[in-house]
Amino acid sequence: MSLLSVSDLCGFHGRVKAVDGVSLTVDQGEIVTIVGSNGSGKSTLLMSLAGLLKKTTGEVLFKDRLVTGWESPRLVKLGLVLVPEGRQLFPSLTVEDNLRMGAYLVRSSGVTLNAGLAEVYELFPRLKERRRQPAGTLSGGEQQMAAIGRGLLARPDLLLLDEPSIGFAPQVVDLIFRVIKRLKEQGGTILLVEQNA
């Protein structure tokens, strides 16, 4: 049974139809990757699924619930989390405060939050070293690690990753994809969009 099932999805930026009739499924524990050039609608697809675009048609089922048209906070609570292109961190907040923002909508005890932070710091040791630094002072690769870590603290059942490797040095790209592989080995489910096959 599919964790996510999308049928004939259309997503719009204003009057422009950027996604036209997309259908796909993502099963539990699977990584599904959509590869396409810049401007092909990949980010629009993820933003539509994450409830960030108001004008969306088609049918989206997540955990056997019809979630078409749901707003983002409601989807996050259900377990569908987007790590957006461009990272969108709060530059003046510390790295750790940015990570904690990922758990904002998740009902968890301090123990659960601390365990989640420990898991993120194990995946990205560099973030632990820099946890008290303002996020805006991190390198681009470190900011991407923080954005992924923030998404993981929301305890997603499905993690949507929007071009996590774009513009980074090869060693950063290798680290990010090692983390993605590890998440899959731990039973994670990921919908990934990328330009680089």
N, C-alpha and C. Protein backbone atom coordinates (compact mmCIF):
# COMPACT_ATOMS: atom_id res chain seq x y z
N MET A 1 0.84 -1.19 0.00
CA MET A 1 0.00 0.00 0.00
C MET A 1 0.88 1.25 0.00
N SER A 2 0.48 2.25 -0.74
CA SER A 2 1.27 3.47 -0.88
C SER A 2 1.09 4.40 0.31
N LEU A 3 2.19 5.00 0.72
CA LEU A 3 2.14 6.04 1.75
C LEU A 3 1.59 7.32 1.13
N LEU A 4 2.04 7.62 -0.10
CA LEU A 4 1.57 8.79 -0.84
C LEU A 4 1.11 8.34 -2.21
N SER A 5 -0.07 8.80 -2.61
CA SER A 5 -0.59 8.52 -3.93
C SER A 5 -1.11 9.83 -4.53
N VAL A 6 -0.57 10.20 -5.66
CA VAL A 6 -0.93 11.46 -6.32
C VAL A 6 -1.53 11.14 -7.68
N SER A 7 -2.68 11.73 -7.97
CA SER A 7 -3.35 11.50 -9.25
C SER A 7 -3.69 12.82 -9.90
N ASP A 8 -3.18 13.00 -11.13
CA ASP A 8 -3.52 14.14 -11.98
C ASP A 8 -3.35 15.48 -11.27
N LEU A 9 -2.24 15.65 -10.58
CA LEU A 9 -1.99 16.88 -9.83
C LEU A 9 -1.59 18.01 -10.77
N CYS A 10 -2.21 19.15 -10.59
CA CYS A 10 -1.85 20.37 -11.30
C CYS A 10 -1.56 21.44 -10.25
N GLY A 11 -0.43 22.12 -10.41
CA GLY A 11 -0.06 23.18 -9.48
C GLY A 11 0.19 24.46 -10.24
N PHE A 12 -0.21 25.57 -9.64
CA PHE A 12 -0.17 26.87 -10.32
C PHE A 12 0.65 27.87 -9.52
N HIS A 13 1.41 28.70 -10.24
CA HIS A 13 2.03 29.91 -9.71
C HIS A 13 1.22 31.05 -10.31
N GLY A 14 0.32 31.62 -9.54
CA GLY A 14 -0.59 32.62 -10.09
C GLY A 14 -1.46 31.97 -11.15
N ARG A 15 -1.38 32.48 -12.37
CA ARG A 15 -2.17 31.91 -13.48
C ARG A 15 -1.39 30.88 -14.29
N VAL A 16 -0.12 30.72 -13.97
CA VAL A 16 0.73 29.81 -14.74
C VAL A 16 0.63 28.40 -14.18
N LYS A 17 0.27 27.46 -15.05
CA LYS A 17 0.22 26.06 -14.65
C LYS A 17 1.64 25.50 -14.76
N ALA A 18 2.30 25.30 -13.60
CA ALA A 18 3.69 24.85 -13.59
C ALA A 18 3.81 23.34 -13.50
N VAL A 19 2.75 22.69 -13.02
CA VAL A 19 2.70 21.22 -12.93
C VAL A 19 1.39 20.81 -13.58
N ASP A 20 1.45 19.89 -14.53
CA ASP A 20 0.25 19.55 -15.30
C ASP A 20 0.03 18.04 -15.33
N GLY A 21 -0.88 17.56 -14.49
CA GLY A 21 -1.32 16.17 -14.57
C GLY A 21 -0.32 15.14 -14.06
N VAL A 22 0.39 15.44 -12.98
CA VAL A 22 1.38 14.50 -12.43
C VAL A 22 0.68 13.43 -11.59
N SER A 23 1.07 12.20 -11.80
CA SER A 23 0.60 11.08 -10.98
C SER A 23 1.83 10.28 -10.53
N LEU A 24 1.86 9.91 -9.27
CA LEU A 24 2.97 9.12 -8.75
C LEU A 24 2.55 8.47 -7.44
N THR A 25 3.32 7.47 -7.05
CA THR A 25 3.12 6.84 -5.74
C THR A 25 4.48 6.71 -5.05
N VAL A 26 4.43 6.76 -3.73
CA VAL A 26 5.61 6.55 -2.90
C VAL A 26 5.21 5.55 -1.83
N ASP A 27 5.90 4.42 -1.80
CA ASP A 27 5.62 3.39 -0.80
C ASP A 27 6.47 3.60 0.44
N GLN A 28 6.00 3.08 1.55
CA GLN A 28 6.73 3.17 2.81
C GLN A 28 8.14 2.59 2.64
N GLY A 29 9.17 3.32 3.13
CA GLY A 29 10.54 2.86 3.09
C GLY A 29 11.24 3.02 1.75
N GLU A 30 10.64 3.78 0.85
CA GLU A 30 11.16 3.93 -0.51
C GLU A 30 11.71 5.34 -0.71
N ILE A 31 12.70 5.44 -1.58
CA ILE A 31 13.14 6.75 -2.07
C ILE A 31 12.68 6.85 -3.52
N VAL A 32 11.89 7.86 -3.80
CA VAL A 32 11.46 8.14 -5.18
C VAL A 32 12.12 9.46 -5.57
N THR A 33 12.76 9.46 -6.74
CA THR A 33 13.47 10.65 -7.20
C THR A 33 12.88 11.13 -8.51
N ILE A 34 12.66 12.43 -8.57
CA ILE A 34 12.20 13.08 -9.78
C ILE A 34 13.34 13.95 -10.27
N VAL A 35 13.82 13.68 -11.48
CA VAL A 35 14.94 14.41 -12.05
C VAL A 35 14.43 15.26 -13.21
N GLY A 36 14.85 16.50 -13.23
CA GLY A 36 14.45 17.38 -14.31
C GLY A 36 15.25 18.66 -14.30
N SER A 37 15.21 19.37 -15.39
CA SER A 37 15.96 20.61 -15.51
C SER A 37 15.31 21.73 -14.71
N ASN A 38 16.05 22.80 -14.56
CA ASN A 38 15.55 23.98 -13.88
C ASN A 38 14.30 24.49 -14.62
N GLY A 39 13.26 24.80 -13.86
CA GLY A 39 12.04 25.33 -14.46
C GLY A 39 11.06 24.28 -14.94
N SER A 40 11.33 23.00 -14.64
CA SER A 40 10.44 21.94 -15.13
C SER A 40 9.28 21.63 -14.19
N GLY A 41 9.19 22.34 -13.06
CA GLY A 41 8.04 22.16 -12.16
C GLY A 41 8.30 21.28 -10.96
N LYS A 42 9.54 20.87 -10.73
CA LYS A 42 9.85 19.97 -9.61
C LYS A 42 9.53 20.61 -8.26
N SER A 43 9.99 21.83 -8.06
CA SER A 43 9.73 22.52 -6.79
C SER A 43 8.25 22.83 -6.62
N THR A 44 7.59 23.18 -7.71
CA THR A 44 6.14 23.44 -7.64
C THR A 44 5.40 22.18 -7.21
N LEU A 45 5.83 21.03 -7.71
CA LEU A 45 5.23 19.76 -7.30
C LEU A 45 5.35 19.58 -5.80
N LEU A 46 6.57 19.75 -5.27
CA LEU A 46 6.76 19.55 -3.83
C LEU A 46 6.00 20.58 -3.01
N MET A 47 5.99 21.84 -3.45
CA MET A 47 5.24 22.86 -2.72
C MET A 47 3.74 22.58 -2.75
N SER A 48 3.25 22.05 -3.85
CA SER A 48 1.83 21.67 -3.93
C SER A 48 1.52 20.55 -2.95
N LEU A 49 2.40 19.54 -2.91
CA LEU A 49 2.19 18.41 -1.99
C LEU A 49 2.27 18.86 -0.54
N ALA A 50 3.13 19.85 -0.25
CA ALA A 50 3.34 20.31 1.12
C ALA A 50 2.32 21.35 1.57
N GLY A 51 1.38 21.68 0.70
CA GLY A 51 0.33 22.62 1.09
C GLY A 51 0.74 24.08 1.05
N LEU A 52 1.79 24.39 0.29
CA LEU A 52 2.27 25.77 0.24
C LEU A 52 1.71 26.56 -0.94
N LEU A 53 1.08 25.88 -1.88
CA LEU A 53 0.44 26.57 -3.00
C LEU A 53 -1.07 26.38 -2.88
N LYS A 54 -1.78 27.46 -2.90
CA LYS A 54 -3.24 27.40 -2.68
C LYS A 54 -3.98 26.82 -3.88
N LYS A 55 -3.50 27.14 -5.07
CA LYS A 55 -4.23 26.72 -6.27
C LYS A 55 -3.66 25.41 -6.78
N THR A 56 -4.25 24.31 -6.33
CA THR A 56 -3.81 22.97 -6.71
C THR A 56 -5.05 22.14 -7.02
N THR A 57 -4.99 21.37 -8.09
CA THR A 57 -6.08 20.46 -8.41
C THR A 57 -5.53 19.04 -8.52
N GLY A 58 -6.42 18.09 -8.57
CA GLY A 58 -6.05 16.68 -8.61
C GLY A 58 -6.35 16.05 -7.26
N GLU A 59 -5.76 14.88 -7.04
CA GLU A 59 -6.03 14.16 -5.80
C GLU A 59 -4.72 13.73 -5.15
N VAL A 60 -4.58 14.05 -3.86
CA VAL A 60 -3.42 13.65 -3.09
C VAL A 60 -3.90 12.85 -1.89
N LEU A 61 -3.48 11.60 -1.83
CA LEU A 61 -3.77 10.75 -0.68
C LEU A 61 -2.48 10.53 0.09
N PHE A 62 -2.51 10.79 1.38
CA PHE A 62 -1.36 10.55 2.25
C PHE A 62 -1.85 9.77 3.46
N LYS A 63 -1.26 8.62 3.68
CA LYS A 63 -1.70 7.71 4.75
C LYS A 63 -3.19 7.39 4.60
N ASP A 64 -3.60 7.16 3.36
CA ASP A 64 -4.99 6.82 3.02
C ASP A 64 -6.00 7.91 3.36
N ARG A 65 -5.53 9.14 3.50
CA ARG A 65 -6.43 10.27 3.76
C ARG A 65 -6.33 11.24 2.59
N LEU A 66 -7.45 11.73 2.15
CA LEU A 66 -7.48 12.73 1.08
C LEU A 66 -7.02 14.06 1.68
N VAL A 67 -5.84 14.53 1.25
CA VAL A 67 -5.25 15.73 1.84
C VAL A 67 -5.12 16.88 0.84
N THR A 68 -5.72 16.73 -0.33
CA THR A 68 -5.68 17.80 -1.34
C THR A 68 -6.23 19.07 -0.72
N GLY A 69 -5.47 20.16 -0.83
CA GLY A 69 -5.93 21.44 -0.31
C GLY A 69 -5.63 21.69 1.15
N TRP A 70 -5.07 20.71 1.84
CA TRP A 70 -4.72 20.93 3.24
C TRP A 70 -3.59 21.95 3.33
N GLU A 71 -3.58 22.71 4.41
CA GLU A 71 -2.50 23.67 4.63
C GLU A 71 -1.30 22.97 5.26
N SER A 72 -0.15 23.60 5.10
CA SER A 72 1.12 23.01 5.51
C SER A 72 1.17 22.57 6.98
N PRO A 73 0.75 23.39 7.95
CA PRO A 73 0.85 22.93 9.35
C PRO A 73 0.09 21.64 9.62
N ARG A 74 -1.04 21.49 8.99
CA ARG A 74 -1.84 20.27 9.17
C ARG A 74 -1.13 19.06 8.57
N LEU A 75 -0.49 19.26 7.42
CA LEU A 75 0.25 18.17 6.78
C LEU A 75 1.48 17.79 7.60
N VAL A 76 2.17 18.78 8.17
CA VAL A 76 3.34 18.49 9.01
C VAL A 76 2.92 17.65 10.21
N LYS A 77 1.81 18.02 10.84
CA LYS A 77 1.31 17.24 11.98
C LYS A 77 1.00 15.80 11.58
N LEU A 78 0.56 15.61 10.33
CA LEU A 78 0.25 14.27 9.83
C LEU A 78 1.51 13.50 9.44
N GLY A 79 2.64 14.22 9.25
CA GLY A 79 3.90 13.54 8.96
C GLY A 79 4.49 13.78 7.59
N LEU A 80 3.99 14.78 6.85
CA LEU A 80 4.51 15.12 5.54
C LEU A 80 5.30 16.43 5.67
N VAL A 81 6.63 16.36 5.49
CA VAL A 81 7.51 17.49 5.79
C VAL A 81 8.37 17.82 4.58
N LEU A 82 8.45 19.11 4.25
CA LEU A 82 9.26 19.60 3.13
C LEU A 82 10.53 20.27 3.65
N VAL A 83 11.67 19.88 3.07
CA VAL A 83 12.92 20.63 3.24
C VAL A 83 13.08 21.41 1.94
N PRO A 84 12.82 22.73 1.98
CA PRO A 84 12.74 23.50 0.74
C PRO A 84 14.10 23.81 0.13
N GLU A 85 14.06 24.07 -1.16
CA GLU A 85 15.24 24.59 -1.85
C GLU A 85 15.54 25.96 -1.25
N GLY A 86 16.81 26.27 -1.08
CA GLY A 86 17.17 27.57 -0.53
C GLY A 86 17.24 27.59 0.99
N ARG A 87 16.95 26.48 1.62
CA ARG A 87 17.14 26.24 3.05
C ARG A 87 16.20 27.02 3.96
N GLN A 88 16.01 28.31 3.75
CA GLN A 88 15.05 29.12 4.49
C GLN A 88 15.21 28.99 6.01
N LEU A 89 16.44 29.15 6.47
CA LEU A 89 16.72 29.17 7.90
C LEU A 89 16.46 30.57 8.45
N PHE A 90 16.40 30.69 9.76
CA PHE A 90 16.31 31.98 10.43
C PHE A 90 17.75 32.39 10.74
N PRO A 91 18.34 33.32 9.97
CA PRO A 91 19.77 33.58 10.06
C PRO A 91 20.25 34.11 11.41
N SER A 92 19.41 34.83 12.14
CA SER A 92 19.86 35.40 13.41
C SER A 92 19.70 34.42 14.58
N LEU A 93 18.92 33.35 14.39
CA LEU A 93 18.78 32.34 15.44
C LEU A 93 19.96 31.39 15.39
N THR A 94 20.26 30.78 16.52
CA THR A 94 21.34 29.80 16.54
C THR A 94 20.96 28.57 15.72
N VAL A 95 21.97 27.79 15.41
CA VAL A 95 21.74 26.54 14.69
C VAL A 95 20.76 25.68 15.48
N GLU A 96 20.98 25.54 16.78
CA GLU A 96 20.10 24.69 17.58
C GLU A 96 18.68 25.22 17.63
N ASP A 97 18.51 26.53 17.72
CA ASP A 97 17.15 27.08 17.70
C ASP A 97 16.46 26.82 16.37
N ASN A 98 17.21 26.90 15.27
CA ASN A 98 16.64 26.56 13.97
C ASN A 98 16.22 25.10 13.94
N LEU A 99 17.04 24.21 14.48
CA LEU A 99 16.69 22.80 14.52
C LEU A 99 15.42 22.59 15.35
N ARG A 100 15.35 23.24 16.49
CA ARG A 100 14.18 23.10 17.37
C ARG A 100 12.89 23.56 16.69
N MET A 101 13.01 24.51 15.77
CA MET A 101 11.82 24.98 15.04
C MET A 101 11.16 23.84 14.27
N GLY A 102 11.94 22.85 13.88
CA GLY A 102 11.37 21.71 13.18
C GLY A 102 10.40 20.91 14.03
N ALA A 103 10.60 20.95 15.33
CA ALA A 103 9.73 20.19 16.24
C ALA A 103 8.57 21.03 16.76
N TYR A 104 8.41 22.24 16.25
CA TYR A 104 7.40 23.16 16.77
C TYR A 104 5.98 22.58 16.75
N LEU A 105 5.60 21.92 15.67
CA LEU A 105 4.24 21.39 15.54
C LEU A 105 4.11 19.96 16.05
N VAL A 106 5.22 19.36 16.46
CA VAL A 106 5.19 17.97 16.92
C VAL A 106 5.01 17.96 18.42
N ARG A 107 4.04 17.20 18.85
CA ARG A 107 3.85 17.08 20.30
C ARG A 107 4.88 16.09 20.83
N SER A 108 5.87 16.64 21.52
CA SER A 108 6.91 15.77 22.05
C SER A 108 7.40 16.33 23.37
N SER A 109 7.88 15.46 24.19
CA SER A 109 8.44 15.87 25.47
C SER A 109 9.85 16.41 25.23
N GLY A 110 10.40 17.03 26.27
CA GLY A 110 11.78 17.51 26.18
C GLY A 110 12.74 16.37 25.92
N VAL A 111 12.42 15.20 26.47
CA VAL A 111 13.27 14.02 26.27
C VAL A 111 13.28 13.64 24.79
N THR A 112 12.11 13.62 24.16
CA THR A 112 12.00 13.28 22.74
C THR A 112 12.73 14.30 21.88
N LEU A 113 12.58 15.59 22.22
CA LEU A 113 13.26 16.65 21.47
C LEU A 113 14.77 16.50 21.60
N ASN A 114 15.24 16.25 22.81
CA ASN A 114 16.68 16.08 23.01
C ASN A 114 17.21 14.85 22.27
N ALA A 115 16.41 13.78 22.24
CA ALA A 115 16.81 12.58 21.49
C ALA A 115 16.88 12.90 20.00
N GLY A 116 15.92 13.68 19.50
CA GLY A 116 15.93 14.08 18.10
C GLY A 116 17.14 14.93 17.76
N LEU A 117 17.47 15.88 18.65
CA LEU A 117 18.67 16.69 18.44
C LEU A 117 19.92 15.82 18.41
N ALA A 118 19.99 14.85 19.33
CA ALA A 118 21.15 13.95 19.37
C ALA A 118 21.28 13.17 18.06
N GLU A 119 20.14 12.73 17.50
CA GLU A 119 20.17 12.00 16.23
C GLU A 119 20.68 12.89 15.09
N VAL A 120 20.21 14.14 15.06
CA VAL A 120 20.66 15.07 14.02
C VAL A 120 22.15 15.35 14.18
N TYR A 121 22.60 15.53 15.41
CA TYR A 121 24.02 15.80 15.64
C TYR A 121 24.89 14.59 15.30
N GLU A 122 24.32 13.40 15.43
CA GLU A 122 25.07 12.21 15.02
C GLU A 122 25.19 12.15 13.49
N LEU A 123 24.12 12.52 12.78
CA LEU A 123 24.15 12.55 11.33
C LEU A 123 25.07 13.65 10.81
N PHE A 124 25.03 14.81 11.48
CA PHE A 124 25.78 15.99 11.05
C PHE A 124 26.60 16.53 12.23
N PRO A 125 27.74 15.90 12.54
CA PRO A 125 28.56 16.34 13.69
C PRO A 125 28.96 17.81 13.61
N ARG A 126 29.12 18.34 12.41
CA ARG A 126 29.50 19.74 12.25
C ARG A 126 28.47 20.67 12.88
N LEU A 127 27.18 20.28 12.83
CA LEU A 127 26.13 21.11 13.43
C LEU A 127 26.26 21.16 14.95
N LYS A 128 26.67 20.06 15.54
CA LYS A 128 26.87 20.06 16.99
C LYS A 128 27.98 21.03 17.37
N GLU A 129 29.04 21.04 16.59
CA GLU A 129 30.15 21.96 16.84
C GLU A 129 29.69 23.41 16.74
N ARG A 130 28.73 23.67 15.87
CA ARG A 130 28.31 25.04 15.59
C ARG A 130 26.92 25.37 16.16
N ARG A 131 26.43 24.55 17.07
CA ARG A 131 25.04 24.68 17.54
C ARG A 131 24.71 26.03 18.16
N ARG A 132 25.68 26.75 18.70
CA ARG A 132 25.41 28.04 19.36
C ARG A 132 25.68 29.24 18.43
N GLN A 133 26.11 28.95 17.20
CA GLN A 133 26.38 29.98 16.21
C GLN A 133 25.10 30.44 15.53
N PRO A 134 24.99 31.70 15.13
CA PRO A 134 23.85 32.10 14.30
C PRO A 134 23.88 31.32 12.97
N ALA A 135 22.74 30.84 12.56
CA ALA A 135 22.67 30.02 11.34
C ALA A 135 23.14 30.79 10.12
N GLY A 136 22.99 32.09 10.11
CA GLY A 136 23.41 32.90 8.98
C GLY A 136 24.92 32.93 8.78
N THR A 137 25.68 32.50 9.79
CA THR A 137 27.15 32.49 9.66
C THR A 137 27.69 31.16 9.16
N LEU A 138 26.82 30.19 8.94
CA LEU A 138 27.25 28.88 8.43
C LEU A 138 27.55 28.95 6.95
N SER A 139 28.37 28.01 6.48
CA SER A 139 28.58 27.86 5.04
C SER A 139 27.28 27.35 4.41
N GLY A 140 27.20 27.40 3.10
CA GLY A 140 26.01 26.91 2.41
C GLY A 140 25.74 25.44 2.69
N GLY A 141 26.79 24.63 2.68
CA GLY A 141 26.63 23.20 2.96
C GLY A 141 26.15 22.94 4.38
N GLU A 142 26.69 23.70 5.33
CA GLU A 142 26.26 23.56 6.73
C GLU A 142 24.80 24.00 6.89
N GLN A 143 24.42 25.05 6.17
CA GLN A 143 23.02 25.48 6.21
C GLN A 143 22.10 24.40 5.66
N GLN A 144 22.55 23.71 4.60
CA GLN A 144 21.73 22.62 4.05
C GLN A 144 21.60 21.50 5.07
N MET A 145 22.66 21.18 5.77
CA MET A 145 22.60 20.17 6.83
C MET A 145 21.59 20.59 7.90
N ALA A 146 21.61 21.88 8.27
CA ALA A 146 20.68 22.37 9.29
C ALA A 146 19.23 22.29 8.79
N ALA A 147 19.01 22.59 7.52
CA ALA A 147 17.65 22.52 6.96
C ALA A 147 17.14 21.08 6.97
N ILE A 148 18.00 20.13 6.61
CA ILE A 148 17.60 18.72 6.65
C ILE A 148 17.35 18.29 8.09
N GLY A 149 18.25 18.70 9.00
CA GLY A 149 18.07 18.37 10.41
C GLY A 149 16.77 18.92 10.97
N ARG A 150 16.43 20.16 10.60
CA ARG A 150 15.17 20.76 11.05
C ARG A 150 13.99 19.92 10.55
N GLY A 151 14.05 19.48 9.29
CA GLY A 151 12.98 18.64 8.77
C GLY A 151 12.87 17.33 9.52
N LEU A 152 13.99 16.74 9.88
CA LEU A 152 13.98 15.46 10.60
C LEU A 152 13.40 15.60 12.00
N LEU A 153 13.57 16.77 12.63
CA LEU A 153 13.02 16.97 13.97
C LEU A 153 11.50 17.04 13.97
N ALA A 154 10.90 17.20 12.81
CA ALA A 154 9.43 17.15 12.71
C ALA A 154 8.93 15.71 12.70
N ARG A 155 9.84 14.74 12.77
CA ARG A 155 9.52 13.31 12.78
C ARG A 155 8.65 12.92 11.58
N PRO A 156 9.15 13.17 10.36
CA PRO A 156 8.32 12.92 9.18
C PRO A 156 8.13 11.43 8.87
N ASP A 157 6.95 11.11 8.38
CA ASP A 157 6.72 9.81 7.78
C ASP A 157 7.14 9.85 6.31
N LEU A 158 7.05 11.04 5.72
CA LEU A 158 7.51 11.27 4.35
C LEU A 158 8.26 12.59 4.33
N LEU A 159 9.52 12.52 3.92
CA LEU A 159 10.37 13.71 3.83
C LEU A 159 10.48 14.10 2.37
N LEU A 160 10.09 15.33 2.05
CA LEU A 160 10.22 15.87 0.70
C LEU A 160 11.49 16.71 0.66
N LEU A 161 12.43 16.35 -0.19
CA LEU A 161 13.70 17.07 -0.30
C LEU A 161 13.78 17.76 -1.65
N ASP A 162 13.89 19.09 -1.62
CA ASP A 162 13.93 19.88 -2.84
C ASP A 162 15.37 20.26 -3.16
N GLU A 163 15.98 19.54 -4.09
CA GLU A 163 17.32 19.77 -4.59
C GLU A 163 18.35 19.97 -3.47
N PRO A 164 18.53 18.96 -2.62
CA PRO A 164 19.44 19.13 -1.48
C PRO A 164 20.91 19.26 -1.85
N SER A 165 21.29 18.95 -3.10
CA SER A 165 22.71 18.99 -3.46
C SER A 165 23.09 20.16 -4.35
N ILE A 166 22.13 20.99 -4.72
CA ILE A 166 22.40 22.01 -5.73
C ILE A 166 23.41 23.05 -5.24
N GLY A 167 24.46 23.20 -6.04
CA GLY A 167 25.44 24.25 -5.79
C GLY A 167 26.49 23.96 -4.74
N PHE A 168 26.60 22.72 -4.28
CA PHE A 168 27.55 22.41 -3.22
C PHE A 168 28.76 21.67 -3.74
N ALA A 169 29.84 21.75 -2.97
CA ALA A 169 31.07 21.04 -3.30
C ALA A 169 30.81 19.53 -3.26
N PRO A 170 31.56 18.76 -4.05
CA PRO A 170 31.33 17.31 -4.11
C PRO A 170 31.35 16.61 -2.75
N GLN A 171 32.23 17.03 -1.83
CA GLN A 171 32.27 16.36 -0.52
C GLN A 171 31.00 16.62 0.28
N VAL A 172 30.40 17.80 0.13
CA VAL A 172 29.13 18.09 0.82
C VAL A 172 28.01 17.26 0.20
N VAL A 173 28.00 17.18 -1.13
CA VAL A 173 27.00 16.37 -1.83
C VAL A 173 27.11 14.91 -1.39
N ASP A 174 28.33 14.39 -1.31
CA ASP A 174 28.53 13.01 -0.85
C ASP A 174 27.97 12.81 0.55
N LEU A 175 28.24 13.75 1.46
CA LEU A 175 27.73 13.64 2.83
C LEU A 175 26.21 13.64 2.84
N ILE A 176 25.59 14.55 2.10
CA ILE A 176 24.13 14.64 2.08
C ILE A 176 23.53 13.34 1.56
N PHE A 177 24.10 12.78 0.51
CA PHE A 177 23.53 11.55 -0.04
C PHE A 177 23.84 10.33 0.83
N ARG A 178 24.93 10.36 1.58
CA ARG A 178 25.17 9.29 2.57
C ARG A 178 24.10 9.34 3.66
N VAL A 179 23.75 10.56 4.07
CA VAL A 179 22.70 10.72 5.09
C VAL A 179 21.36 10.24 4.55
N ILE A 180 21.04 10.58 3.30
CA ILE A 180 19.79 10.12 2.70
C ILE A 180 19.75 8.60 2.65
N LYS A 181 20.85 7.99 2.25
CA LYS A 181 20.92 6.52 2.22
C LYS A 181 20.72 5.94 3.62
N ARG A 182 21.34 6.56 4.60
CA ARG A 182 21.20 6.08 5.99
C ARG A 182 19.75 6.20 6.47
N LEU A 183 19.10 7.30 6.12
CA LEU A 183 17.69 7.48 6.50
C LEU A 183 16.83 6.37 5.91
N LYS A 184 17.09 6.01 4.65
CA LYS A 184 16.35 4.93 4.01
C LYS A 184 16.62 3.61 4.73
N GLU A 185 17.89 3.35 5.08
CA GLU A 185 18.23 2.11 5.79
C GLU A 185 17.54 2.03 7.15
N GLN A 186 17.22 3.20 7.72
CA GLN A 186 16.51 3.25 9.00
C GLN A 186 14.99 3.22 8.82
N GLY A 187 14.54 3.01 7.59
CA GLY A 187 13.10 2.90 7.32
C GLY A 187 12.44 4.18 6.87
N GLY A 188 13.22 5.23 6.62
CA GLY A 188 12.65 6.49 6.18
C GLY A 188 12.11 6.43 4.77
N THR A 189 11.17 7.32 4.47
CA THR A 189 10.57 7.41 3.15
C THR A 189 10.83 8.82 2.63
N ILE A 190 11.33 8.91 1.39
CA ILE A 190 11.78 10.21 0.87
C ILE A 190 11.30 10.38 -0.57
N LEU A 191 10.78 11.57 -0.85
CA LEU A 191 10.52 12.01 -2.22
C LEU A 191 11.52 13.12 -2.50
N LEU A 192 12.41 12.87 -3.44
CA LEU A 192 13.55 13.74 -3.71
C LEU A 192 13.44 14.31 -5.12
N VAL A 193 13.66 15.60 -5.27
CA VAL A 193 13.78 16.16 -6.61
C VAL A 193 15.19 16.73 -6.79
N GLU A 194 15.73 16.52 -7.97
CA GLU A 194 17.11 16.91 -8.26
C GLU A 194 17.25 17.29 -9.73
N GLN A 195 18.24 18.13 -10.02
CA GLN A 195 18.63 18.39 -11.42
C GLN A 195 19.71 17.42 -11.86
N ASN A 196 20.55 17.02 -10.94
CA ASN A 196 21.73 16.21 -11.24
C ASN A 196 21.40 14.73 -11.09
N ALA A 197 21.30 14.02 -12.20
CA ALA A 197 20.97 12.60 -12.15
C ALA A 197 22.07 11.80 -11.45
